[in-house]
Amino acid sequence: MTQTPQQAYGAHDLLWVSTMPTAADGAPLPDWAIAACRQGAPVVVRRAPRGADGLIPVGLRGSARNERCAGTIAASAITRVVTPETLATTATAIPHDAPFAALRTLRALAPALDALGWAWGPTGGAGFALASGLPVLHGTSDLDLVVRMPHPPSTAQRDLLVHLLDDTECRVDLQIDTGHGGFAFRDWLASPHKTLLKTDNGPRLVADPWDDGA
């Protein structure tokens, strides 16, 4: 499940670090964030500009839903990396009677997502819980997924994804990663020619999220 740390870290990658992150706004980290880091919780790579200092933009999370904090960490402090794609390989090992709907839904969707041929994996609370073993999921937790889709899907592929997401035990929030940004699959379906694309340089409305020059 562990990758050797590399130069490039993608959005949604989980990082274990040897030093305390710094809050992005320069303020002291909240007590819950310090406690989470000391407990061994990973941080998650977030989309944000990366400066010449080489700092990686990350997000910290606690056990409560309102415990979120933006921070940065030096690449030299990273000791372990787990990607969503790596977590996807463990999805079919989740017990059928897993205690949370998000995990049961992940197990149920995994074979069909594998069959589509794209790289994909769980993010959000489900990915965090699978990678860390920490109790961050709740009975009403959604399942967050990312699919690496460098080219637009065919009509058949799009329709299959729609069918998969409409027949699940819990709500599934699917993000499409084009390689230069990410967007919400449901939002794109609703407005395919005006999509909010999240990039490392901020969000922007685009006519075609797969057009790198848009």
C-alpha atoms as a PDB file:
ATOM      1  CA  MET A   1       0.000   0.000   0.000  1.00  0.00           C
ATOM      2  CA  THR A   2       2.959   2.268   0.475  1.00  0.00           C
ATOM      3  CA  GLN A   3       4.802   4.049  -2.287  1.00  0.00           C
ATOM      4  CA  THR A   4       8.314   5.408  -2.122  1.00  0.00           C
ATOM      5  CA  PRO A   5       8.105   9.210  -1.848  1.00  0.00           C
ATOM      6  CA  GLN A   6       8.621  10.908  -5.193  1.00  0.00           C
ATOM      7  CA  GLN A   7       9.133  14.411  -6.528  1.00  0.00           C
ATOM      8  CA  ALA A   8       5.547  14.779  -7.758  1.00  0.00           C
ATOM      9  CA  TYR A   9       2.556  14.390  -5.472  1.00  0.00           C
ATOM     10  CA  GLY A  10      -0.963  14.475  -6.840  1.00  0.00           C
ATOM     11  CA  ALA A  11      -4.136  15.878  -5.361  1.00  0.00           C
ATOM     12  CA  HIS A  12      -5.755  13.370  -2.969  1.00  0.00           C
ATOM     13  CA  ASP A  13      -2.491  11.531  -2.216  1.00  0.00           C
ATOM     14  CA  LEU A  14      -2.132  10.777   1.497  1.00  0.00           C
ATOM     15  CA  LEU A  15       1.219  11.643   3.065  1.00  0.00           C
ATOM     16  CA  TRP A  16       2.729  10.604   6.365  1.00  0.00           C
ATOM     17  CA  VAL A  17       5.250  13.150   7.592  1.00  0.00           C
ATOM     18  CA  SER A  18       8.028  13.307  10.146  1.00  0.00           C
ATOM     19  CA  THR A  19       7.515  16.944  11.141  1.00  0.00           C
ATOM     20  CA  MET A  20       4.491  19.050  12.017  1.00  0.00           C
ATOM     21  CA  PRO A  21       2.954  20.849   8.995  1.00  0.00           C
ATOM     22  CA  THR A  22       2.696  24.638   8.951  1.00  0.00           C
ATOM     23  CA  ALA A  23      -0.713  26.289   8.640  1.00  0.00           C
ATOM     24  CA  ALA A  24      -1.129  27.893   5.220  1.00  0.00           C
ATOM     25  CA  ASP A  25      -2.243  31.205   6.732  1.00  0.00           C
ATOM     26  CA  GLY A  26       0.759  31.394   9.056  1.00  0.00           C
ATOM     27  CA  ALA A  27      -1.379  31.057  12.186  1.00  0.00           C
ATOM     28  CA  PRO A  28      -0.706  28.383  14.811  1.00  0.00           C
ATOM     29  CA  LEU A  29      -2.211  25.006  14.010  1.00  0.00           C
ATOM     30  CA  PRO A  30      -5.436  24.323  15.927  1.00  0.00           C
ATOM     31  CA  ASP A  31      -5.151  21.931  18.844  1.00  0.00           C
ATOM     32  CA  TRP A  32      -7.129  19.215  17.050  1.00  0.00           C
ATOM     33  CA  ALA A  33      -4.678  19.304  14.102  1.00  0.00           C
ATOM     34  CA  ILE A  34      -1.675  18.951  16.394  1.00  0.00           C
ATOM     35  CA  ALA A  35      -3.366  16.046  18.163  1.00  0.00           C
ATOM     36  CA  ALA A  36      -4.169  14.349  14.842  1.00  0.00           C
ATOM     37  CA  CYS A  37      -0.575  14.634  13.648  1.00  0.00           C
ATOM     38  CA  ARG A  38       0.736  13.243  16.914  1.00  0.00           C
ATOM     39  CA  GLN A  39      -1.713  10.362  16.561  1.00  0.00           C
ATOM     40  CA  GLY A  40      -0.092   9.505  13.236  1.00  0.00           C
ATOM     41  CA  ALA A  41      -2.795  10.819  10.916  1.00  0.00           C
ATOM     42  CA  PRO A  42      -1.706  11.470   7.330  1.00  0.00           C
ATOM     43  CA  VAL A  43      -2.200  14.758   5.524  1.00  0.00           C
ATOM     44  CA  VAL A  44      -3.757  14.971   2.068  1.00  0.00           C
ATOM     45  CA  VAL A  45      -2.295  16.782  -0.935  1.00  0.00           C
ATOM     46  CA  ARG A  46      -4.557  19.643  -2.020  1.00  0.00           C
ATOM     47  CA  ARG A  47      -4.680  21.746  -5.165  1.00  0.00           C
ATOM     48  CA  ALA A  48      -2.819  25.012  -4.637  1.00  0.00           C
ATOM     49  CA  PRO A  49       0.117  26.885  -6.196  1.00  0.00           C
ATOM     50  CA  ARG A  50       3.518  25.413  -5.403  1.00  0.00           C
ATOM     51  CA  GLY A  51       6.269  27.935  -4.854  1.00  0.00           C
ATOM     52  CA  ALA A  52       9.997  27.769  -5.425  1.00  0.00           C
ATOM     53  CA  ASP A  53      10.434  26.748  -1.775  1.00  0.00           C
ATOM     54  CA  GLY A  54       9.251  23.246  -2.683  1.00  0.00           C
ATOM     55  CA  LEU A  55       6.571  23.123   0.011  1.00  0.00           C
ATOM     56  CA  ILE A  56       3.689  20.748  -0.686  1.00  0.00           C
ATOM     57  CA  PRO A  57       0.166  22.138  -0.091  1.00  0.00           C
ATOM     58  CA  VAL A  58      -1.738  19.760   2.172  1.00  0.00           C
ATOM     59  CA  GLY A  59      -4.947  19.527   4.138  1.00  0.00           C
ATOM     60  CA  LEU A  60      -5.268  18.296   7.708  1.00  0.00           C
ATOM     61  CA  ARG A  61      -8.402  16.683   9.095  1.00  0.00           C
ATOM     62  CA  GLY A  62      -9.606  15.689  12.528  1.00  0.00           C
ATOM     63  CA  SER A  63     -12.334  13.321  13.624  1.00  0.00           C
ATOM     64  CA  ALA A  64     -15.118  15.941  13.481  1.00  0.00           C
ATOM     65  CA  ARG A  65     -16.517  17.174  10.166  1.00  0.00           C
ATOM     66  CA  ASN A  66     -15.668  20.793  10.926  1.00  0.00           C
ATOM     67  CA  GLU A  67     -12.036  19.987  11.727  1.00  0.00           C
ATOM     68  CA  ARG A  68     -10.241  20.922   8.518  1.00  0.00           C
ATOM     69  CA  CYS A  69      -7.126  23.032   8.059  1.00  0.00           C
ATOM     70  CA  ALA A  70      -4.959  24.003   5.062  1.00  0.00           C
ATOM     71  CA  GLY A  71      -1.225  23.680   5.525  1.00  0.00           C
ATOM     72  CA  THR A  72       2.118  23.022   3.857  1.00  0.00           C
ATOM     73  CA  ILE A  73       4.863  20.481   4.416  1.00  0.00           C
ATOM     74  CA  ALA A  74       8.413  20.128   3.120  1.00  0.00           C
ATOM     75  CA  ALA A  75       8.899  17.255   0.685  1.00  0.00           C
ATOM     76  CA  SER A  76      11.886  16.135   2.740  1.00  0.00           C
ATOM     77  CA  ALA A  77       9.542  15.406   5.673  1.00  0.00           C
ATOM     78  CA  ILE A  78       7.441  12.883   3.736  1.00  0.00           C
ATOM     79  CA  THR A  79       8.018   9.321   4.904  1.00  0.00           C
ATOM     80  CA  ARG A  80       5.148   7.455   3.250  1.00  0.00           C
ATOM     81  CA  VAL A  81       2.740   7.992   0.364  1.00  0.00           C
ATOM     82  CA  VAL A  82      -0.547   6.228  -0.334  1.00  0.00           C
ATOM     83  CA  THR A  83      -2.459   7.078  -3.503  1.00  0.00           C
ATOM     84  CA  PRO A  84      -6.174   6.592  -4.193  1.00  0.00           C
ATOM     85  CA  GLU A  85      -5.225   4.078  -6.892  1.00  0.00           C
ATOM     86  CA  THR A  86      -3.371   1.976  -4.337  1.00  0.00           C
ATOM     87  CA  LEU A  87      -6.388   1.996  -2.034  1.00  0.00           C
ATOM     88  CA  ALA A  88      -8.612   0.860  -4.910  1.00  0.00           C
ATOM     89  CA  THR A  89      -6.730  -2.436  -5.005  1.00  0.00           C
ATOM     90  CA  THR A  90      -7.919  -3.177  -1.457  1.00  0.00           C
ATOM     91  CA  ALA A  91     -11.600  -2.378  -2.062  1.00  0.00           C
ATOM     92  CA  THR A  92     -12.756  -5.924  -2.786  1.00  0.00           C
ATOM     93  CA  ALA A  93     -11.263  -7.065   0.534  1.00  0.00           C
ATOM     94  CA  ILE A  94     -13.678  -4.840   2.467  1.00  0.00           C
ATOM     95  CA  PRO A  95     -16.133  -7.083   4.370  1.00  0.00           C
ATOM     96  CA  HIS A  96     -19.681  -7.273   3.002  1.00  0.00           C
ATOM     97  CA  ASP A  97     -20.904  -6.284   6.459  1.00  0.00           C
ATOM     98  CA  ALA A  98     -18.512  -3.334   6.890  1.00  0.00           C
ATOM     99  CA  PRO A  99     -19.974  -0.943   9.494  1.00  0.00           C
ATOM    100  CA  PHE A 100     -20.315   2.073   7.182  1.00  0.00           C
ATOM    101  CA  ALA A 101     -22.333   2.468   3.987  1.00  0.00           C
ATOM    102  CA  ALA A 102     -19.440   4.333   2.351  1.00  0.00           C
ATOM    103  CA  LEU A 103     -17.211   1.262   2.676  1.00  0.00           C
ATOM    104  CA  ARG A 104     -19.922  -1.157   1.548  1.00  0.00           C
ATOM    105  CA  THR A 105     -20.605   1.050  -1.471  1.00  0.00           C
ATOM    106  CA  LEU A 106     -16.900   1.177  -2.303  1.00  0.00           C
ATOM    107  CA  ARG A 107     -16.707  -2.610  -2.279  1.00  0.00           C
ATOM    108  CA  ALA A 108     -19.812  -2.899  -4.448  1.00  0.00           C
ATOM    109  CA  LEU A 109     -18.591  -0.398  -7.068  1.00  0.00           C
ATOM    110  CA  ALA A 110     -14.986  -1.598  -7.314  1.00  0.00           C
ATOM    111  CA  PRO A 111     -15.403  -4.372  -9.929  1.00  0.00           C
ATOM    112  CA  ALA A 112     -17.363  -2.133 -12.312  1.00  0.00           C
ATOM    113  CA  LEU A 113     -14.915   0.745 -11.911  1.00  0.00           C
ATOM    114  CA  ASP A 114     -11.983  -1.595 -12.515  1.00  0.00           C
ATOM    115  CA  ALA A 115     -13.673  -2.840 -15.691  1.00  0.00           C
ATOM    116  CA  LEU A 116     -13.875   0.687 -17.116  1.00  0.00           C
ATOM    117  CA  GLY A 117     -10.091   0.727 -17.433  1.00  0.00           C
ATOM    118  CA  TRP A 118      -9.319   4.083 -15.837  1.00  0.00           C
ATOM    119  CA  ALA A 119      -7.169   4.548 -12.767  1.00  0.00           C
ATOM    120  CA  TRP A 120      -9.425   5.383  -9.835  1.00  0.00           C
ATOM    121  CA  GLY A 121      -9.622   5.260  -6.077  1.00  0.00           C
ATOM    122  CA  PRO A 122     -11.366   6.387  -2.907  1.00  0.00           C
ATOM    123  CA  THR A 123     -10.621   9.789  -1.405  1.00  0.00           C
ATOM    124  CA  GLY A 124     -12.217  11.757   1.428  1.00  0.00           C
ATOM    125  CA  GLY A 125     -13.202   9.960   4.600  1.00  0.00           C
ATOM    126  CA  ALA A 126     -13.295   6.467   3.099  1.00  0.00           C
ATOM    127  CA  GLY A 127      -9.817   6.746   1.637  1.00  0.00           C
ATOM    128  CA  PHE A 128      -8.489   8.279   4.835  1.00  0.00           C
ATOM    129  CA  ALA A 129     -10.029   5.539   6.983  1.00  0.00           C
ATOM    130  CA  LEU A 130      -8.764   2.718   4.769  1.00  0.00           C
ATOM    131  CA  ALA A 131      -5.230   4.084   4.689  1.00  0.00           C
ATOM    132  CA  SER A 132      -4.900   5.116   8.326  1.00  0.00           C
ATOM    133  CA  GLY A 133      -7.349   2.964  10.267  1.00  0.00           C
ATOM    134  CA  LEU A 134      -8.489   6.086  12.110  1.00  0.00           C
ATOM    135  CA  PRO A 135     -12.210   6.492  13.000  1.00  0.00           C
ATOM    136  CA  VAL A 136     -13.251   9.334  10.701  1.00  0.00           C
ATOM    137  CA  LEU A 137     -16.274   7.746   8.995  1.00  0.00           C
ATOM    138  CA  HIS A 138     -19.867   8.227  10.158  1.00  0.00           C
ATOM    139  CA  GLY A 139     -23.113   6.474   9.400  1.00  0.00           C
ATOM    140  CA  THR A 140     -24.096   9.231   6.967  1.00  0.00           C
ATOM    141  CA  SER A 141     -20.686   9.665   5.321  1.00  0.00           C
ATOM    142  CA  ASP A 142     -20.669  10.006   1.532  1.00  0.00           C
ATOM    143  CA  LEU A 143     -18.236   8.039  -0.604  1.00  0.00           C
ATOM    144  CA  ASP A 144     -15.730  10.267  -2.392  1.00  0.00           C
ATOM    145  CA  LEU A 145     -14.020   8.863  -5.483  1.00  0.00           C
ATOM    146  CA  VAL A 146     -11.554  10.150  -8.050  1.00  0.00           C
ATOM    147  CA  VAL A 147     -11.247   8.774 -11.578  1.00  0.00           C
ATOM    148  CA  ARG A 148      -8.158   9.660 -13.630  1.00  0.00           C
ATOM    149  CA  MET A 149      -9.652  10.428 -17.031  1.00  0.00           C
ATOM    150  CA  PRO A 150      -7.176  12.117 -19.405  1.00  0.00           C
ATOM    151  CA  HIS A 151      -9.678  12.104 -22.289  1.00  0.00           C
ATOM    152  CA  PRO A 152     -13.454  12.605 -22.422  1.00  0.00           C
ATOM    153  CA  PRO A 153     -15.478   9.435 -21.885  1.00  0.00           C
ATOM    154  CA  SER A 154     -17.464   7.838 -24.657  1.00  0.00           C
ATOM    155  CA  THR A 155     -21.227   8.112 -24.421  1.00  0.00           C
ATOM    156  CA  ALA A 156     -21.391   4.494 -23.261  1.00  0.00           C
ATOM    157  CA  GLN A 157     -18.761   5.084 -20.562  1.00  0.00           C
ATOM    158  CA  ARG A 158     -20.522   8.236 -19.373  1.00  0.00           C
ATOM    159  CA  ASP A 159     -23.876   6.478 -19.197  1.00  0.00           C
ATOM    160  CA  LEU A 160     -22.382   3.555 -17.281  1.00  0.00           C
ATOM    161  CA  LEU A 161     -20.929   5.927 -14.692  1.00  0.00           C
ATOM    162  CA  VAL A 162     -24.306   7.631 -14.348  1.00  0.00           C
ATOM    163  CA  HIS A 163     -25.964   4.260 -13.783  1.00  0.00           C
ATOM    164  CA  LEU A 164     -23.359   3.213 -11.216  1.00  0.00           C
ATOM    165  CA  LEU A 165     -23.742   6.423  -9.210  1.00  0.00           C
ATOM    166  CA  ASP A 166     -27.535   6.334  -9.262  1.00  0.00           C
ATOM    167  CA  ASP A 167     -27.780   2.848  -7.755  1.00  0.00           C
ATOM    168  CA  THR A 168     -25.739   3.003  -4.550  1.00  0.00           C
ATOM    169  CA  GLU A 169     -26.371   2.575  -0.841  1.00  0.00           C
ATOM    170  CA  CYS A 170     -24.915   6.009  -0.039  1.00  0.00           C
ATOM    171  CA  ARG A 171     -24.303   9.158  -2.027  1.00  0.00           C
ATOM    172  CA  VAL A 172     -21.182   9.028  -4.195  1.00  0.00           C
ATOM    173  CA  ASP A 173     -19.283  12.217  -5.016  1.00  0.00           C
ATOM    174  CA  LEU A 174     -17.159  11.504  -8.083  1.00  0.00           C
ATOM    175  CA  GLN A 175     -14.312  13.805  -9.082  1.00  0.00           C
ATOM    176  CA  ILE A 176     -12.780  13.502 -12.544  1.00  0.00           C
ATOM    177  CA  ASP A 177      -9.042  14.234 -12.729  1.00  0.00           C
ATOM    178  CA  THR A 178      -7.997  15.202 -16.256  1.00  0.00           C
ATOM    179  CA  GLY A 179      -4.302  15.500 -15.433  1.00  0.00           C
ATOM    180  CA  HIS A 180      -4.327  19.297 -15.192  1.00  0.00           C
ATOM    181  CA  GLY A 181      -7.368  19.772 -12.975  1.00  0.00           C
ATOM    182  CA  GLY A 182     -10.384  18.154 -11.403  1.00  0.00           C
ATOM    183  CA  PHE A 183     -14.144  18.639 -11.588  1.00  0.00           C
ATOM    184  CA  ALA A 184     -17.316  17.150 -10.168  1.00  0.00           C
ATOM    185  CA  PHE A 185     -18.818  14.572 -12.515  1.00  0.00           C
ATOM    186  CA  ARG A 186     -22.420  15.473 -11.594  1.00  0.00           C
ATOM    187  CA  ASP A 187     -21.788  19.180 -12.219  1.00  0.00           C
ATOM    188  CA  TRP A 188     -20.310  18.400 -15.633  1.00  0.00           C
ATOM    189  CA  LEU A 189     -23.364  16.322 -16.538  1.00  0.00           C
ATOM    190  CA  ALA A 190     -25.625  19.220 -15.591  1.00  0.00           C
ATOM    191  CA  SER A 191     -23.558  21.821 -17.468  1.00  0.00           C
ATOM    192  CA  PRO A 192     -21.091  20.151 -19.857  1.00  0.00           C
ATOM    193  CA  HIS A 193     -20.072  23.390 -21.559  1.00  0.00           C
ATOM    194  CA  LYS A 194     -19.539  25.424 -18.387  1.00  0.00           C
ATOM    195  CA  THR A 195     -17.612  23.365 -15.864  1.00  0.00           C
ATOM    196  CA  LEU A 196     -15.823  24.478 -12.698  1.00  0.00           C
ATOM    197  CA  LEU A 197     -12.310  23.051 -13.038  1.00  0.00           C
ATOM    198  CA  LYS A 198     -10.164  23.041  -9.905  1.00  0.00           C
ATOM    199  CA  THR A 199      -6.476  23.512 -10.709  1.00  0.00           C
ATOM    200  CA  ASP A 200      -3.298  24.150  -8.743  1.00  0.00           C
ATOM    201  CA  ASN A 201      -3.708  27.818  -9.680  1.00  0.00           C
ATOM    202  CA  GLY A 202      -7.282  28.089  -8.499  1.00  0.00           C
ATOM    203  CA  PRO A 203     -10.733  27.226  -9.852  1.00  0.00           C
ATOM    204  CA  ARG A 204     -11.980  28.477 -13.208  1.00  0.00           C
ATOM    205  CA  LEU A 205     -15.026  28.011 -15.408  1.00  0.00           C
ATOM    206  CA  VAL A 206     -14.156  26.277 -18.675  1.00  0.00           C
ATOM    207  CA  ALA A 207     -16.036  25.110 -21.741  1.00  0.00           C
ATOM    208  CA  ASP A 208     -13.969  21.927 -22.008  1.00  0.00           C
ATOM    209  CA  PRO A 209     -12.266  20.610 -18.853  1.00  0.00           C
ATOM    210  CA  TRP A 210     -10.021  18.345 -20.950  1.00  0.00           C
ATOM    211  CA  ASP A 211      -8.569  21.285 -22.902  1.00  0.00           C
ATOM    212  CA  ASP A 212      -5.319  22.142 -21.124  1.00  0.00           C
ATOM    213  CA  GLY A 213      -5.291  25.568 -22.755  1.00  0.00           C
ATOM    214  CA  ALA A 214      -8.872  26.458 -21.884  1.00  0.00           C
END
